[in-house]
Amino acid sequence: MRVRIVCPEHLEYEGEAAFIALPSTDGELGVLPGHANEICTLNKGYLHVSDTAMGTVDHEFAIIGGYAEITGDEVVVLAARACDMAVVNADEVRAEQQEFEDQLSNLRENDAHRAYLYNEIAWCKLRLRA
């Protein structure tokens, strides 16, 4: 089946898959070719793509929120953010996280920018599996 992972600014992944596991808001959702048509909301977590068979993981993506549309032999994931875990540079992500935490420590308690920084820190932690 065809898989596309689309973010607001780019296409993160496109390819063929034998099985996909999605982090839906109702729990992990497994999708095989011929799955019933469905639209589901996605939680933050990890999306797994198996190229050849269920039970293997060939590609793993960290995602934050979004939707998945399943239509028989196609899965389109519209994610707020997605990142291929194979290309994550842990040192760079830790440096990003530290920068966001430093900025956070310099803000007043009622500063609206805190929400943005909390979200960025959560995105860093997800990519680091922290």
Protein backbone atom coordinates (compact mmCIF):
# COMPACT_ATOMS: atom_id res chain seq x y z
CA MET A 1 0.00 0.00 0.00
CA ARG A 2 1.09 3.59 -0.56
CA VAL A 3 2.12 5.74 2.43
CA ARG A 4 2.59 9.49 2.56
CA ILE A 5 3.56 11.49 5.63
CA VAL A 6 2.85 15.15 4.98
CA CYS A 7 3.72 18.13 7.20
CA PRO A 8 2.65 21.74 6.66
CA GLU A 9 6.02 22.64 5.13
CA HIS A 10 7.21 19.43 3.49
CA LEU A 11 6.61 15.84 2.46
CA GLU A 12 8.45 13.78 5.10
CA TYR A 13 8.02 10.36 3.50
CA GLU A 14 6.43 8.64 0.55
CA GLY A 15 6.72 4.97 -0.29
CA GLU A 16 5.21 1.50 -0.33
CA ALA A 17 4.51 -0.49 2.83
CA ALA A 18 3.24 -3.88 3.87
CA PHE A 19 2.17 -2.67 7.34
CA ILE A 20 1.91 0.60 9.25
CA ALA A 21 1.44 1.22 12.97
CA LEU A 22 -0.02 4.63 13.84
CA PRO A 23 -0.15 6.32 17.28
CA SER A 24 -3.85 7.18 17.18
CA THR A 25 -5.59 8.95 20.04
CA ASP A 26 -7.48 5.70 20.70
CA GLY A 27 -4.27 3.64 20.94
CA GLU A 28 -1.91 2.12 18.41
CA LEU A 29 -3.64 1.37 15.11
CA GLY A 30 -2.25 -1.25 12.75
CA VAL A 31 -2.98 -0.95 9.05
CA LEU A 32 -2.59 -3.67 6.43
CA PRO A 33 -3.46 -3.42 2.72
CA GLY A 34 -7.22 -3.52 2.21
CA HIS A 35 -7.97 -1.88 5.59
CA ALA A 36 -11.44 -0.38 5.87
CA ASN A 37 -11.71 3.31 5.06
CA GLU A 38 -11.11 5.37 8.16
CA ILE A 39 -10.00 8.77 9.37
CA CYS A 40 -8.38 8.97 12.78
CA THR A 41 -6.70 11.57 14.93
CA LEU A 42 -3.07 11.06 15.88
CA ASN A 43 -1.30 11.55 19.18
CA LYS A 44 2.34 12.35 19.65
CA GLY A 45 4.39 9.22 19.34
CA TYR A 46 6.07 6.97 16.83
CA LEU A 47 4.75 5.86 13.47
CA HIS A 48 6.25 2.58 12.19
CA VAL A 49 6.41 1.55 8.55
CA SER A 50 7.18 -2.04 7.54
CA ASP A 51 8.30 -2.44 3.94
CA THR A 52 7.95 -6.21 3.70
CA ALA A 53 5.91 -7.76 6.52
CA MET A 54 4.06 -7.06 9.73
CA GLY A 55 6.37 -7.44 12.72
CA THR A 56 9.32 -5.62 11.15
CA VAL A 57 10.11 -1.92 11.37
CA ASP A 58 11.95 -0.47 8.39
CA HIS A 59 11.17 3.21 9.01
CA GLU A 60 10.27 5.01 12.22
CA PHE A 61 8.99 8.55 12.48
CA ALA A 62 8.40 10.74 15.51
CA ILE A 63 5.17 12.67 15.01
CA ILE A 64 3.22 15.25 16.93
CA GLY A 65 -0.50 15.26 16.34
CA GLY A 66 -2.47 15.27 13.16
CA TYR A 67 -4.75 12.99 11.19
CA ALA A 68 -4.49 9.83 9.15
CA GLU A 69 -6.75 8.95 6.25
CA ILE A 70 -6.84 5.26 5.41
CA THR A 71 -8.42 4.33 2.09
CA GLY A 72 -7.92 0.67 1.25
CA ASP A 73 -4.45 0.71 -0.27
CA GLU A 74 -3.31 4.20 0.76
CA VAL A 75 -2.51 5.89 4.06
CA VAL A 76 -2.04 9.64 4.13
CA VAL A 77 -0.75 11.08 7.39
CA LEU A 78 -1.18 14.81 7.91
CA ALA A 79 1.09 15.57 10.85
CA ALA A 80 1.80 18.85 12.60
CA ARG A 81 5.41 17.65 12.77
CA ALA A 82 7.20 14.50 11.65
CA CYS A 83 10.82 13.44 11.71
CA ASP A 84 12.56 10.32 10.41
CA MET A 85 14.22 8.85 13.50
CA ALA A 86 17.05 7.46 11.35
CA VAL A 87 18.37 10.97 10.69
CA VAL A 88 18.09 12.39 14.21
CA ASN A 89 21.39 13.77 15.49
CA ALA A 90 21.04 13.35 19.26
CA ASP A 91 23.75 15.90 20.08
CA GLU A 92 22.07 18.58 17.96
CA VAL A 93 18.67 17.84 19.48
CA ARG A 94 20.09 17.98 23.02
CA ALA A 95 21.66 21.36 22.20
CA GLU A 96 18.30 22.61 20.87
CA GLN A 97 16.56 21.38 23.99
CA GLN A 98 19.10 23.10 26.24
CA GLU A 99 18.64 26.36 24.34
CA PHE A 100 14.87 26.18 24.76
CA GLU A 101 15.21 25.37 28.47
CA ASP A 102 17.59 28.32 28.92
CA GLN A 103 15.10 30.64 27.21
CA LEU A 104 12.34 29.25 29.41
CA SER A 105 14.29 29.93 32.59
CA ASN A 106 14.61 33.60 31.60
CA LEU A 107 10.87 34.20 31.13
CA ARG A 108 8.37 35.43 33.67
CA GLU A 109 5.85 32.87 34.89
CA ASN A 110 2.94 34.49 32.99
CA ASP A 111 4.78 35.05 29.69
CA ALA A 112 2.77 33.62 26.77
CA HIS A 113 5.98 32.53 25.02
CA ARG A 114 6.33 29.75 27.63
CA ALA A 115 3.75 27.57 25.82
CA TYR A 116 5.81 27.70 22.63
CA LEU A 117 8.96 26.72 24.52
CA TYR A 118 7.20 23.85 26.31
CA ASN A 119 6.08 22.51 22.91
CA GLU A 120 9.61 22.78 21.50
CA ILE A 121 11.07 20.98 24.52
CA ALA A 122 8.46 18.21 24.15
CA TRP A 123 9.39 17.83 20.46
CA CYS A 124 13.07 17.51 21.41
CA LYS A 125 12.28 14.90 24.07
CA LEU A 126 10.19 12.88 21.63
CA ARG A 127 13.04 12.79 19.11
CA LEU A 128 15.44 11.76 21.91
CA ARG A 129 13.03 9.15 23.29
CA ALA A 130 13.34 10.88 26.66
